[in-house]
């Protein structure tokens, strides 16, 4: 598959990446992370599939106009009230935040899935 072909699954960073022993993390927290999948349907569309039985809400977060973060707010807290995920999307920060694409996002929600659509990048 070529780099620009869609749909394509993307990876994301989480607390599991920084944990020396992932087995030490609460089982509920590990379950949310390992059962979440992110897919880019197109250059400007991100689909997030998550375990609906464990997640109450999905939030998109602009961390100081430089970092795109997804927060999965859990129905029951397992020591933490949310799981922070950092999708490895190919969006350049200067196009995504400075051109206000983040602010113009549209969400479509169904149980266990959120689709985020942003205006296409102007090259």
PDB file of N, CA and C in Angstrom:
ATOM      1  N   UNK A   1       0.841  -1.177   0.000  1.00  0.00           N
ATOM      2  CA  UNK A   1       0.000   0.000   0.000  1.00  0.00           C
ATOM      3  C   UNK A   1       0.885   1.239   0.000  1.00  0.00           C
ATOM      4  N   UNK A   2       0.568   2.179  -0.838  1.00  0.00           N
ATOM      5  CA  UNK A   2       1.312   3.426  -0.889  1.00  0.00           C
ATOM      6  C   UNK A   2       0.982   4.270   0.332  1.00  0.00           C
ATOM      7  N   UNK A   3       1.886   5.178   0.666  1.00  0.00           N
ATOM      8  CA  UNK A   3       1.740   6.002   1.867  1.00  0.00           C
ATOM      9  C   UNK A   3       0.456   6.826   1.874  1.00  0.00           C
ATOM     10  N   UNK A   4       0.020   7.318   0.729  1.00  0.00           N
ATOM     11  CA  UNK A   4      -1.155   8.186   0.681  1.00  0.00           C
ATOM     12  C   UNK A   4      -2.449   7.455   0.362  1.00  0.00           C
ATOM     13  N   UNK A   5      -2.438   6.134   0.352  1.00  0.00           N
ATOM     14  CA  UNK A   5      -3.668   5.399   0.087  1.00  0.00           C
ATOM     15  C   UNK A   5      -4.509   5.311   1.365  1.00  0.00           C
ATOM     16  N   UNK A   6      -5.784   5.442   1.174  1.00  0.00           N
ATOM     17  CA  UNK A   6      -6.725   5.399   2.305  1.00  0.00           C
ATOM     18  C   UNK A   6      -7.808   4.404   1.991  1.00  0.00           C
ATOM     19  N   UNK A   7      -8.427   3.807   2.996  1.00  0.00           N
ATOM     20  CA  UNK A   7      -8.172   4.001   4.428  1.00  0.00           C
ATOM     21  C   UNK A   7      -6.886   3.300   4.855  1.00  0.00           C
ATOM     22  N   UNK A   8      -6.343   3.783   5.974  1.00  0.00           N
ATOM     23  CA  UNK A   8      -5.165   3.140   6.543  1.00  0.00           C
ATOM     24  C   UNK A   8      -5.186   3.281   8.061  1.00  0.00           C
ATOM     25  N   UNK A   9      -4.776   2.230   8.710  1.00  0.00           N
ATOM     26  CA  UNK A   9      -4.707   2.227  10.164  1.00  0.00           C
ATOM     27  C   UNK A   9      -3.504   3.057  10.596  1.00  0.00           C
ATOM     28  N   UNK A  10      -3.675   3.814  11.666  1.00  0.00           N
ATOM     29  CA  UNK A  10      -2.558   4.603  12.176  1.00  0.00           C
ATOM     30  C   UNK A  10      -2.288   4.210  13.624  1.00  0.00           C
ATOM     31  N   UNK A  11      -1.069   4.461  14.045  1.00  0.00           N
ATOM     32  CA  UNK A  11      -0.680   4.164  15.411  1.00  0.00           C
ATOM     33  C   UNK A  11      -0.888   5.412  16.269  1.00  0.00           C
ATOM     34  N   UNK A  12      -0.782   5.218  17.546  1.00  0.00           N
ATOM     35  CA  UNK A  12      -0.916   6.340  18.481  1.00  0.00           C
ATOM     36  C   UNK A  12      -0.080   6.066  19.715  1.00  0.00           C
ATOM     37  N   UNK A  13       0.349   7.137  20.353  1.00  0.00           N
ATOM     38  CA  UNK A  13       1.095   7.030  21.587  1.00  0.00           C
ATOM     39  C   UNK A  13       0.157   7.017  22.779  1.00  0.00           C
ATOM     40  N   UNK A  14       0.603   6.374  23.852  1.00  0.00           N
ATOM     41  CA  UNK A  14      -0.196   6.316  25.084  1.00  0.00           C
ATOM     42  C   UNK A  14       0.730   6.045  26.260  1.00  0.00           C
ATOM     43  N   UNK A  15       0.144   5.914  27.422  1.00  0.00           N
ATOM     44  CA  UNK A  15       0.911   5.616  28.626  1.00  0.00           C
ATOM     45  C   UNK A  15       1.616   4.260  28.504  1.00  0.00           C
ATOM     46  N   UNK A  16       1.106   3.367  27.687  1.00  0.00           N
ATOM     47  CA  UNK A  16       1.766   2.068  27.497  1.00  0.00           C
ATOM     48  C   UNK A  16       3.167   2.236  26.921  1.00  0.00           C
ATOM     49  N   UNK A  17       3.373   3.269  26.114  1.00  0.00           N
ATOM     50  CA  UNK A  17       4.684   3.508  25.514  1.00  0.00           C
ATOM     51  C   UNK A  17       5.733   3.881  26.559  1.00  0.00           C
ATOM     52  N   UNK A  18       5.297   4.518  27.625  1.00  0.00           N
ATOM     53  CA  UNK A  18       6.236   4.996  28.642  1.00  0.00           C
ATOM     54  C   UNK A  18       6.331   4.072  29.848  1.00  0.00           C
ATOM     55  N   UNK A  19       5.496   3.073  29.895  1.00  0.00           N
ATOM     56  CA  UNK A  19       5.436   2.182  31.054  1.00  0.00           C
ATOM     57  C   UNK A  19       6.485   1.071  30.926  1.00  0.00           C
ATOM     58  N   UNK A  20       7.308   0.925  31.944  1.00  0.00           N
ATOM     59  CA  UNK A  20       8.347  -0.121  31.907  1.00  0.00           C
ATOM     60  C   UNK A  20       7.733  -1.507  31.970  1.00  0.00           C
ATOM     61  N   UNK A  21       6.647  -1.654  32.719  1.00  0.00           N
ATOM     62  CA  UNK A  21       5.980  -2.950  32.828  1.00  0.00           C
ATOM     63  C   UNK A  21       4.473  -2.736  32.631  1.00  0.00           C
ATOM     64  N   UNK A  22       3.971  -2.886  31.387  1.00  0.00           N
ATOM     65  CA  UNK A  22       2.545  -2.649  31.122  1.00  0.00           C
ATOM     66  C   UNK A  22       1.607  -3.498  31.971  1.00  0.00           C
ATOM     67  N   UNK A  23       2.087  -4.626  32.457  1.00  0.00           N
ATOM     68  CA  UNK A  23       1.239  -5.464  33.303  1.00  0.00           C
ATOM     69  C   UNK A  23       0.927  -4.798  34.639  1.00  0.00           C
ATOM     70  N   UNK A  24       1.724  -3.785  35.010  1.00  0.00           N
ATOM     71  CA  UNK A  24       1.469  -3.057  36.251  1.00  0.00           C
ATOM     72  C   UNK A  24       0.280  -2.114  36.130  1.00  0.00           C
ATOM     73  N   UNK A  25      -0.099  -1.767  34.893  1.00  0.00           N
ATOM     74  CA  UNK A  25      -1.246  -0.881  34.685  1.00  0.00           C
ATOM     75  C   UNK A  25      -2.533  -1.634  34.978  1.00  0.00           C
ATOM     76  N   UNK A  26      -3.521  -0.896  35.426  1.00  0.00           N
ATOM     77  CA  UNK A  26      -4.821  -1.473  35.693  1.00  0.00           C
ATOM     78  C   UNK A  26      -5.367  -2.140  34.430  1.00  0.00           C
ATOM     79  N   UNK A  27      -6.030  -3.269  34.602  1.00  0.00           N
ATOM     80  CA  UNK A  27      -6.563  -4.038  33.466  1.00  0.00           C
ATOM     81  C   UNK A  27      -7.552  -3.216  32.640  1.00  0.00           C
ATOM     82  N   UNK A  28      -8.369  -2.402  33.292  1.00  0.00           N
ATOM     83  CA  UNK A  28      -9.334  -1.577  32.564  1.00  0.00           C
ATOM     84  C   UNK A  28      -8.654  -0.547  31.688  1.00  0.00           C
ATOM     85  N   UNK A  29      -7.612   0.051  32.208  1.00  0.00           N
ATOM     86  CA  UNK A  29      -6.845   1.036  31.446  1.00  0.00           C
ATOM     87  C   UNK A  29      -6.182   0.367  30.242  1.00  0.00           C
ATOM     88  N   UNK A  30      -5.549  -0.767  30.458  1.00  0.00           N
ATOM     89  CA  UNK A  30      -4.916  -1.502  29.352  1.00  0.00           C
ATOM     90  C   UNK A  30      -5.944  -1.911  28.310  1.00  0.00           C
ATOM     91  N   UNK A  31      -7.115  -2.323  28.760  1.00  0.00           N
ATOM     92  CA  UNK A  31      -8.178  -2.756  27.843  1.00  0.00           C
ATOM     93  C   UNK A  31      -8.628  -1.616  26.932  1.00  0.00           C
ATOM     94  N   UNK A  32      -8.802  -0.429  27.499  1.00  0.00           N
ATOM     95  CA  UNK A  32      -9.210   0.718  26.683  1.00  0.00           C
ATOM     96  C   UNK A  32      -8.162   1.001  25.616  1.00  0.00           C
ATOM     97  N   UNK A  33      -6.894   1.012  26.007  1.00  0.00           N
ATOM     98  CA  UNK A  33      -5.824   1.333  25.063  1.00  0.00           C
ATOM     99  C   UNK A  33      -5.687   0.263  23.991  1.00  0.00           C
ATOM    100  N   UNK A  34      -5.636  -0.989  24.394  1.00  0.00           N
ATOM    101  CA  UNK A  34      -5.383  -2.064  23.420  1.00  0.00           C
ATOM    102  C   UNK A  34      -6.577  -2.340  22.519  1.00  0.00           C
ATOM    103  N   UNK A  35      -7.764  -1.937  22.925  1.00  0.00           N
ATOM    104  CA  UNK A  35      -8.944  -2.176  22.097  1.00  0.00           C
ATOM    105  C   UNK A  35      -9.416  -0.934  21.343  1.00  0.00           C
ATOM    106  N   UNK A  36      -8.582   0.079  21.319  1.00  0.00           N
ATOM    107  CA  UNK A  36      -8.882   1.277  20.541  1.00  0.00           C
ATOM    108  C   UNK A  36      -8.102   1.190  19.234  1.00  0.00           C
ATOM    109  N   UNK A  37      -8.786   1.514  18.151  1.00  0.00           N
ATOM    110  CA  UNK A  37      -8.176   1.473  16.818  1.00  0.00           C
ATOM    111  C   UNK A  37      -8.449   2.806  16.132  1.00  0.00           C
ATOM    112  N   UNK A  38      -7.442   3.330  15.450  1.00  0.00           N
ATOM    113  CA  UNK A  38      -7.619   4.573  14.702  1.00  0.00           C
ATOM    114  C   UNK A  38      -7.317   4.313  13.233  1.00  0.00           C
ATOM    115  N   UNK A  39      -8.192   4.862  12.380  1.00  0.00           N
ATOM    116  CA  UNK A  39      -8.060   4.681  10.939  1.00  0.00           C
ATOM    117  C   UNK A  39      -8.247   6.020  10.258  1.00  0.00           C
ATOM    118  N   UNK A  40      -7.351   6.336   9.354  1.00  0.00           N
ATOM    119  CA  UNK A  40      -7.541   7.526   8.523  1.00  0.00           C
ATOM    120  C   UNK A  40      -8.325   7.085   7.298  1.00  0.00           C
ATOM    121  N   UNK A  41      -9.516   7.629   7.153  1.00  0.00           N
ATOM    122  CA  UNK A  41     -10.358   7.299   6.008  1.00  0.00           C
ATOM    123  C   UNK A  41      -9.969   8.116   4.785  1.00  0.00           C
ATOM    124  N   UNK A  42      -9.398   9.288   5.034  1.00  0.00           N
ATOM    125  CA  UNK A  42      -8.883  10.188   3.996  1.00  0.00           C
ATOM    126  C   UNK A  42      -7.890  11.107   4.700  1.00  0.00           C
ATOM    127  N   UNK A  43      -7.244  11.988   3.958  1.00  0.00           N
ATOM    128  CA  UNK A  43      -6.234  12.876   4.544  1.00  0.00           C
ATOM    129  C   UNK A  43      -6.790  13.701   5.697  1.00  0.00           C
ATOM    130  N   UNK A  44      -8.062  14.006   5.668  1.00  0.00           N
ATOM    131  CA  UNK A  44      -8.654  14.893   6.669  1.00  0.00           C
ATOM    132  C   UNK A  44      -9.696  14.219   7.564  1.00  0.00           C
ATOM    133  N   UNK A  45      -9.803  12.890   7.493  1.00  0.00           N
ATOM    134  CA  UNK A  45     -10.836  12.186   8.260  1.00  0.00           C
ATOM    135  C   UNK A  45     -10.198  11.097   9.117  1.00  0.00           C
ATOM    136  N   UNK A  46     -10.436  11.173  10.422  1.00  0.00           N
ATOM    137  CA  UNK A  46      -9.910  10.204  11.381  1.00  0.00           C
ATOM    138  C   UNK A  46     -11.078   9.482  12.052  1.00  0.00           C
ATOM    139  N   UNK A  47     -11.050   8.157  11.990  1.00  0.00           N
ATOM    140  CA  UNK A  47     -12.080   7.335  12.647  1.00  0.00           C
ATOM    141  C   UNK A  47     -11.447   6.675  13.867  1.00  0.00           C
ATOM    142  N   UNK A  48     -12.136   6.769  14.999  1.00  0.00           N
ATOM    143  CA  UNK A  48     -11.657   6.187  16.249  1.00  0.00           C
ATOM    144  C   UNK A  48     -12.683   5.156  16.708  1.00  0.00           C
ATOM    145  N   UNK A  49     -12.255   3.910  16.789  1.00  0.00           N
ATOM    146  CA  UNK A  49     -13.096   2.832  17.308  1.00  0.00           C
ATOM    147  C   UNK A  49     -12.588   2.493  18.703  1.00  0.00           C
ATOM    148  N   UNK A  50     -13.496   2.434  19.661  1.00  0.00           N
ATOM    149  CA  UNK A  50     -13.108   2.233  21.053  1.00  0.00           C
ATOM    150  C   UNK A  50     -14.109   1.301  21.736  1.00  0.00           C
ATOM    151  N   UNK A  51     -13.729   0.701  22.876  1.00  0.00           N
ATOM    152  CA  UNK A  51     -14.655  -0.190  23.595  1.00  0.00           C
ATOM    153  C   UNK A  51     -15.758   0.627  24.289  1.00  0.00           C
ATOM    154  N   UNK A  52     -16.939   0.641  23.677  1.00  0.00           N
ATOM    155  CA  UNK A  52     -18.017   1.495  24.189  1.00  0.00           C
ATOM    156  C   UNK A  52     -18.458   1.141  25.602  1.00  0.00           C
ATOM    157  N   UNK A  53     -18.248  -0.099  26.014  1.00  0.00           N
ATOM    158  CA  UNK A  53     -18.660  -0.482  27.360  1.00  0.00           C
ATOM    159  C   UNK A  53     -17.775   0.143  28.438  1.00  0.00           C
ATOM    160  N   UNK A  54     -16.594   0.638  28.043  1.00  0.00           N
ATOM    161  CA  UNK A  54     -15.670   1.233  29.002  1.00  0.00           C
ATOM    162  C   UNK A  54     -15.527   2.747  28.867  1.00  0.00           C
ATOM    163  N   UNK A  55     -15.918   3.293  27.719  1.00  0.00           N
ATOM    164  CA  UNK A  55     -15.691   4.715  27.446  1.00  0.00           C
ATOM    165  C   UNK A  55     -17.012   5.469  27.419  1.00  0.00           C
ATOM    166  N   UNK A  56     -17.060   6.539  28.187  1.00  0.00           N
ATOM    167  CA  UNK A  56     -18.265   7.367  28.273  1.00  0.00           C
ATOM    168  C   UNK A  56     -18.252   8.508  27.263  1.00  0.00           C
ATOM    169  N   UNK A  57     -17.064   9.049  27.008  1.00  0.00           N
ATOM    170  CA  UNK A  57     -16.974  10.243  26.157  1.00  0.00           C
ATOM    171  C   UNK A  57     -15.615  10.278  25.466  1.00  0.00           C
ATOM    172  N   UNK A  58     -15.603  10.816  24.235  1.00  0.00           N
ATOM    173  CA  UNK A  58     -14.364  11.021  23.486  1.00  0.00           C
ATOM    174  C   UNK A  58     -14.198  12.519  23.277  1.00  0.00           C
ATOM    175  N   UNK A  59     -13.037  13.033  23.678  1.00  0.00           N
ATOM    176  CA  UNK A  59     -12.764  14.464  23.543  1.00  0.00           C
ATOM    177  C   UNK A  59     -11.555  14.669  22.634  1.00  0.00           C
ATOM    178  N   UNK A  60     -11.604  15.719  21.829  1.00  0.00           N
ATOM    179  CA  UNK A  60     -10.430  16.125  21.071  1.00  0.00           C
ATOM    180  C   UNK A  60      -9.826  17.320  21.795  1.00  0.00           C
ATOM    181  N   UNK A  61      -8.518  17.313  21.923  1.00  0.00           N
ATOM    182  CA  UNK A  61      -7.837  18.333  22.708  1.00  0.00           C
ATOM    183  C   UNK A  61      -6.722  18.970  21.883  1.00  0.00           C
ATOM    184  N   UNK A  62      -6.709  20.281  21.860  1.00  0.00           N
ATOM    185  CA  UNK A  62      -5.634  21.053  21.256  1.00  0.00           C
ATOM    186  C   UNK A  62      -4.725  21.465  22.409  1.00  0.00           C
ATOM    187  N   UNK A  63      -3.563  20.838  22.496  1.00  0.00           N
ATOM    188  CA  UNK A  63      -2.624  21.155  23.564  1.00  0.00           C
ATOM    189  C   UNK A  63      -1.723  22.281  23.063  1.00  0.00           C
ATOM    190  N   UNK A  64      -1.963  23.472  23.486  1.00  0.00           N
ATOM    191  CA  UNK A  64      -1.213  24.695  23.182  1.00  0.00           C
ATOM    192  C   UNK A  64      -0.870  24.880  21.696  1.00  0.00           C
ATOM    193  N   UNK A  65      -1.794  24.574  20.830  1.00  0.00           N
ATOM    194  CA  UNK A  65      -1.637  24.760  19.380  1.00  0.00           C
ATOM    195  C   UNK A  65      -0.451  24.006  18.785  1.00  0.00           C
ATOM    196  N   UNK A  66      -0.035  22.922  19.434  1.00  0.00           N
ATOM    197  CA  UNK A  66       1.074  22.143  18.882  1.00  0.00           C
ATOM    198  C   UNK A  66       0.820  20.649  18.878  1.00  0.00           C
ATOM    199  N   UNK A  67      -0.048  20.160  19.735  1.00  0.00           N
ATOM    200  CA  UNK A  67      -0.253  18.719  19.888  1.00  0.00           C
ATOM    201  C   UNK A  67      -1.736  18.388  19.771  1.00  0.00           C
ATOM    202  N   UNK A  68      -2.041  17.388  18.973  1.00  0.00           N
ATOM    203  CA  UNK A  68      -3.408  16.879  18.816  1.00  0.00           C
ATOM    204  C   UNK A  68      -3.541  15.664  19.712  1.00  0.00           C
ATOM    205  N   UNK A  69      -4.510  15.695  20.630  1.00  0.00           N
ATOM    206  CA  UNK A  69      -4.692  14.601  21.585  1.00  0.00           C
ATOM    207  C   UNK A  69      -6.146  14.162  21.605  1.00  0.00           C
ATOM    208  N   UNK A  70      -6.346  12.877  21.797  1.00  0.00           N
ATOM    209  CA  UNK A  70      -7.676  12.302  21.978  1.00  0.00           C
ATOM    210  C   UNK A  70      -7.767  11.821  23.419  1.00  0.00           C
ATOM    211  N   UNK A  71      -8.780  12.263  24.156  1.00  0.00           N
ATOM    212  CA  UNK A  71      -9.027  11.778  25.514  1.00  0.00           C
ATOM    213  C   UNK A  71     -10.235  10.869  25.494  1.00  0.00           C
ATOM    214  N   UNK A  72     -10.054   9.651  25.975  1.00  0.00           N
ATOM    215  CA  UNK A  72     -11.170   8.731  26.154  1.00  0.00           C
ATOM    216  C   UNK A  72     -11.526   8.772  27.628  1.00  0.00           C
ATOM    217  N   UNK A  73     -12.678   9.334  27.960  1.00  0.00           N
ATOM    218  CA  UNK A  73     -13.113   9.459  29.346  1.00  0.00           C
ATOM    219  C   UNK A  73     -13.823   8.161  29.709  1.00  0.00           C
ATOM    220  N   UNK A  74     -13.319   7.527  30.760  1.00  0.00           N
ATOM    221  CA  UNK A  74     -13.823   6.207  31.125  1.00  0.00           C
ATOM    222  C   UNK A  74     -15.100   6.281  31.961  1.00  0.00           C
ATOM    223  N   UNK A  75     -15.932   5.259  31.794  1.00  0.00           N
ATOM    224  CA  UNK A  75     -17.168   5.182  32.575  1.00  0.00           C
ATOM    225  C   UNK A  75     -16.864   4.949  34.046  1.00  0.00           C
ATOM    226  N   UNK A  76     -15.897   4.100  34.310  1.00  0.00           N
ATOM    227  CA  UNK A  76     -15.457   3.850  35.674  1.00  0.00           C
ATOM    228  C   UNK A  76     -13.989   4.225  35.744  1.00  0.00           C
ATOM    229  N   UNK A  77     -13.609   4.934  36.787  1.00  0.00           N
ATOM    230  CA  UNK A  77     -12.203   5.319  36.860  1.00  0.00           C
ATOM    231  C   UNK A  77     -11.390   4.159  37.410  1.00  0.00           C
ATOM    232  N   UNK A  78     -10.243   3.966  36.831  1.00  0.00           N
ATOM    233  CA  UNK A  78      -9.312   2.919  37.243  1.00  0.00           C
ATOM    234  C   UNK A  78      -8.042   3.591  37.754  1.00  0.00           C
ATOM    235  N   UNK A  79      -8.213   4.560  38.645  1.00  0.00           N
ATOM    236  CA  UNK A  79      -7.070   5.325  39.098  1.00  0.00           C
ATOM    237  C   UNK A  79      -6.886   6.578  38.251  1.00  0.00           C
ATOM    238  N   UNK A  80      -7.327   6.555  37.010  1.00  0.00           N
ATOM    239  CA  UNK A  80      -7.298   7.712  36.117  1.00  0.00           C
ATOM    240  C   UNK A  80      -8.682   7.871  35.538  1.00  0.00           C
ATOM    241  N   UNK A  81      -9.102   9.107  35.303  1.00  0.00           N
ATOM    242  CA  UNK A  81     -10.445   9.317  34.765  1.00  0.00           C
ATOM    243  C   UNK A  81     -10.479   9.345  33.245  1.00  0.00           C
ATOM    244  N   UNK A  82      -9.300   9.339  32.612  1.00  0.00           N
ATOM    245  CA  UNK A  82      -9.265   9.360  31.149  1.00  0.00           C
ATOM    246  C   UNK A  82      -7.993   8.700  30.650  1.00  0.00           C
ATOM    247  N   UNK A  83      -8.052   8.305  29.401  1.00  0.00           N
ATOM    248  CA  UNK A  83      -6.883   7.764  28.712  1.00  0.00           C
ATOM    249  C   UNK A  83      -6.520   8.775  27.636  1.00  0.00           C
ATOM    250  N   UNK A  84      -5.295   9.273  27.659  1.00  0.00           N
ATOM    251  CA  UNK A  84      -4.833  10.249  26.671  1.00  0.00           C
ATOM    252  C   UNK A  84      -4.083   9.525  25.556  1.00  0.00           C
ATOM    253  N   UNK A  85      -4.529   9.727  24.333  1.00  0.00           N
ATOM    254  CA  UNK A  85      -3.912   9.100  23.167  1.00  0.00           C
ATOM    255  C   UNK A  85      -3.410  10.189  22.223  1.00  0.00           C
ATOM    256  N   UNK A  86      -2.285   9.933  21.613  1.00  0.00           N
ATOM    257  CA  UNK A  86      -1.660  10.888  20.704  1.00  0.00           C
ATOM    258  C   UNK A  86      -1.533  10.237  19.327  1.00  0.00           C
ATOM    259  N   UNK A  87      -2.527  10.463  18.446  1.00  0.00           N
ATOM    260  CA  UNK A  87      -2.493   9.814  17.135  1.00  0.00           C
ATOM    261  C   UNK A  87      -1.336  10.307  16.275  1.00  0.00           C
ATOM    262  N   UNK A  88      -0.700   9.383  15.590  1.00  0.00           N
ATOM    263  CA  UNK A  88       0.402   9.724  14.682  1.00  0.00           C
ATOM    264  C   UNK A  88      -0.171  10.041  13.305  1.00  0.00           C
ATOM    265  N   UNK A  89      -0.873  11.162  13.249  1.00  0.00           N
ATOM    266  CA  UNK A  89      -1.486  11.611  12.000  1.00  0.00           C
ATOM    267  C   UNK A  89      -0.477  12.437  11.215  1.00  0.00           C
ATOM    268  N   UNK A  90      -0.555  12.427   9.898  1.00  0.00           N
ATOM    269  CA  UNK A  90       0.428  13.159   9.094  1.00  0.00           C
ATOM    270  C   UNK A  90       0.095  14.647   8.911  1.00  0.00           C
ATOM    271  N   UNK A  91      -0.653  15.216   9.833  1.00  0.00           N
ATOM    272  CA  UNK A  91      -1.034  16.617   9.715  1.00  0.00           C
ATOM    273  C   UNK A  91       0.103  17.488  10.214  1.00  0.00           C
ATOM    274  N   UNK A  92       0.523  18.431   9.394  1.00  0.00           N
ATOM    275  CA  UNK A  92       1.567  19.371   9.800  1.00  0.00           C
ATOM    276  C   UNK A  92       0.953  20.401  10.744  1.00  0.00           C
ATOM    277  N   UNK A  93       1.620  20.629  11.829  1.00  0.00           N
ATOM    278  CA  UNK A  93       1.097  21.539  12.849  1.00  0.00           C
ATOM    279  C   UNK A  93       0.763  22.914  12.292  1.00  0.00           C
ATOM    280  N   UNK A  94       1.623  23.420  11.397  1.00  0.00           N
ATOM    281  CA  UNK A  94       1.371  24.770  10.873  1.00  0.00           C
ATOM    282  C   UNK A  94       0.102  24.819  10.029  1.00  0.00           C
ATOM    283  N   UNK A  95      -0.248  23.735   9.345  1.00  0.00           N
ATOM    284  CA  UNK A  95      -1.497  23.689   8.570  1.00  0.00           C
ATOM    285  C   UNK A  95      -2.697  23.369   9.446  1.00  0.00           C
ATOM    286  N   UNK A  96      -2.484  22.548  10.458  1.00  0.00           N
ATOM    287  CA  UNK A  96      -3.613  22.068  11.255  1.00  0.00           C
ATOM    288  C   UNK A  96      -4.061  23.073  12.307  1.00  0.00           C
ATOM    289  N   UNK A  97      -3.120  23.672  13.009  1.00  0.00           N
ATOM    290  CA  UNK A  97      -3.484  24.599  14.075  1.00  0.00           C
ATOM    291  C   UNK A  97      -3.479  26.053  13.621  1.00  0.00           C
ATOM    292  N   UNK A  98      -2.435  26.486  12.941  1.00  0.00           N
ATOM    293  CA  UNK A  98      -2.340  27.902  12.553  1.00  0.00           C
ATOM    294  C   UNK A  98      -3.405  28.281  11.532  1.00  0.00           C
ATOM    295  N   UNK A  99      -3.788  27.344  10.692  1.00  0.00           N
ATOM    296  CA  UNK A  99      -4.864  27.619   9.723  1.00  0.00           C
ATOM    297  C   UNK A  99      -6.244  27.314  10.305  1.00  0.00           C
ATOM    298  N   UNK A 100      -6.293  27.016  11.599  1.00  0.00           N
ATOM    299  CA  UNK A 100      -7.541  26.805  12.360  1.00  0.00           C
ATOM    300  C   UNK A 100      -8.361  25.608  11.885  1.00  0.00           C
ATOM    301  N   UNK A 101      -7.726  24.652  11.218  1.00  0.00           N
ATOM    302  CA  UNK A 101      -8.447  23.446  10.804  1.00  0.00           C
ATOM    303  C   UNK A 101      -9.025  22.720  12.022  1.00  0.00           C
ATOM    304  N   UNK A 102      -8.251  22.688  13.117  1.00  0.00           N
ATOM    305  CA  UNK A 102      -8.708  21.993  14.325  1.00  0.00           C
ATOM    306  C   UNK A 102     -10.053  22.548  14.792  1.00  0.00           C
ATOM    307  N   UNK A 103     -10.189  23.870  14.768  1.00  0.00           N
ATOM    308  CA  UNK A 103     -11.416  24.523  15.245  1.00  0.00           C
ATOM    309  C   UNK A 103     -12.615  24.263  14.336  1.00  0.00           C
ATOM    310  N   UNK A 104     -12.370  23.843  13.099  1.00  0.00           N
ATOM    311  CA  UNK A 104     -13.447  23.643  12.135  1.00  0.00           C
ATOM    312  C   UNK A 104     -13.832  22.173  11.983  1.00  0.00           C
ATOM    313  N   UNK A 105     -13.380  21.355  12.915  1.00  0.00           N
ATOM    314  CA  UNK A 105     -13.672  19.927  12.838  1.00  0.00           C
ATOM    315  C   UNK A 105     -15.141  19.618  13.067  1.00  0.00           C
ATOM    316  N   UNK A 106     -15.578  18.539  12.446  1.00  0.00           N
ATOM    317  CA  UNK A 106     -16.956  18.055  12.592  1.00  0.00           C
ATOM    318  C   UNK A 106     -16.898  16.616  13.086  1.00  0.00           C
ATOM    319  N   UNK A 107     -17.779  16.256  14.011  1.00  0.00           N
ATOM    320  CA  UNK A 107     -17.793  14.909  14.582  1.00  0.00           C
ATOM    321  C   UNK A 107     -19.080  14.181  14.229  1.00  0.00           C
ATOM    322  N   UNK A 108     -18.931  12.910  13.988  1.00  0.00           N
ATOM    323  CA  UNK A 108     -20.075  12.021  13.837  1.00  0.00           C
ATOM    324  C   UNK A 108     -19.868  10.902  14.848  1.00  0.00           C
ATOM    325  N   UNK A 109     -20.852  10.710  15.728  1.00  0.00           N
ATOM    326  CA  UNK A 109     -20.698   9.719  16.789  1.00  0.00           C
ATOM    327  C   UNK A 109     -21.746   8.630  16.676  1.00  0.00           C
ATOM    328  N   UNK A 110     -21.300   7.400  16.820  1.00  0.00           N
ATOM    329  CA  UNK A 110     -22.158   6.229  16.957  1.00  0.00           C
ATOM    330  C   UNK A 110     -21.565   5.409  18.097  1.00  0.00           C
ATOM    331  N   UNK A 111     -22.311   4.490  18.680  1.00  0.00           N
ATOM    332  CA  UNK A 111     -21.752   3.721  19.798  1.00  0.00           C
ATOM    333  C   UNK A 111     -20.437   3.026  19.405  1.00  0.00           C
ATOM    334  N   UNK A 112     -19.390   3.315  20.165  1.00  0.00           N
ATOM    335  CA  UNK A 112     -18.091   2.705  19.931  1.00  0.00           C
ATOM    336  C   UNK A 112     -17.274   3.315  18.817  1.00  0.00           C
ATOM    337  N   UNK A 113     -17.737   4.420  18.240  1.00  0.00           N
ATOM    338  CA  UNK A 113     -17.016   5.026  17.115  1.00  0.00           C
ATOM    339  C   UNK A 113     -17.254   6.529  17.065  1.00  0.00           C
ATOM    340  N   UNK A 114     -16.176   7.258  16.793  1.00  0.00           N
ATOM    341  CA  UNK A 114     -16.243   8.690  16.519  1.00  0.00           C
ATOM    342  C   UNK A 114     -15.474   8.925  15.219  1.00  0.00           C
ATOM    343  N   UNK A 115     -16.082   9.681  14.319  1.00  0.00           N
ATOM    344  CA  UNK A 115     -15.409  10.064  13.081  1.00  0.00           C
ATOM    345  C   UNK A 115     -15.209  11.577  13.136  1.00  0.00           C
ATOM    346  N   UNK A 116     -13.949  11.984  13.004  1.00  0.00           N
ATOM    347  CA  UNK A 116     -13.591  13.393  13.036  1.00  0.00           C
ATOM    348  C   UNK A 116     -13.221  13.821  11.627  1.00  0.00           C
ATOM    349  N   UNK A 117     -13.876  14.850  11.137  1.00  0.00           N
ATOM    350  CA  UNK A 117     -13.588  15.339   9.795  1.00  0.00           C
ATOM    351  C   UNK A 117     -13.188  16.807   9.873  1.00  0.00           C
ATOM    352  N   UNK A 118     -12.045  17.110   9.298  1.00  0.00           N
ATOM    353  CA  UNK A 118     -11.515  18.464   9.288  1.00  0.00           C
ATOM    354  C   UNK A 118     -11.474  18.957   7.851  1.00  0.00           C
ATOM    355  N   UNK A 119     -11.444  20.271   7.643  1.00  0.00           N
ATOM    356  CA  UNK A 119     -11.334  20.767   6.267  1.00  0.00           C
ATOM    357  C   UNK A 119     -10.067  20.193   5.620  1.00  0.00           C
ATOM    358  N   UNK A 120     -10.117  19.927   4.323  1.00  0.00           N
ATOM    359  CA  UNK A 120      -8.929  19.416   3.644  1.00  0.00           C
ATOM    360  C   UNK A 120      -7.775  20.416   3.731  1.00  0.00           C
ATOM    361  N   UNK A 121      -6.581  19.882   3.698  1.00  0.00           N
ATOM    362  CA  UNK A 121      -5.384  20.719   3.739  1.00  0.00           C
ATOM    363  C   UNK A 121      -5.252  21.489   2.437  1.00  0.00           C
ATOM    364  N   UNK A 122      -4.926  22.769   2.557  1.00  0.00           N
ATOM    365  CA  UNK A 122      -4.652  23.586   1.369  1.00  0.00           C
ATOM    366  C   UNK A 122      -3.154  23.551   1.128  1.00  0.00           C
ATOM    367  N   UNK A 123      -2.746  22.946   0.057  1.00  0.00           N
ATOM    368  CA  UNK A 123      -1.305  22.820  -0.228  1.00  0.00           C
ATOM    369  C   UNK A 123      -0.769  24.039  -0.904  1.00  0.00           C
TER     370      UNK A 123
END
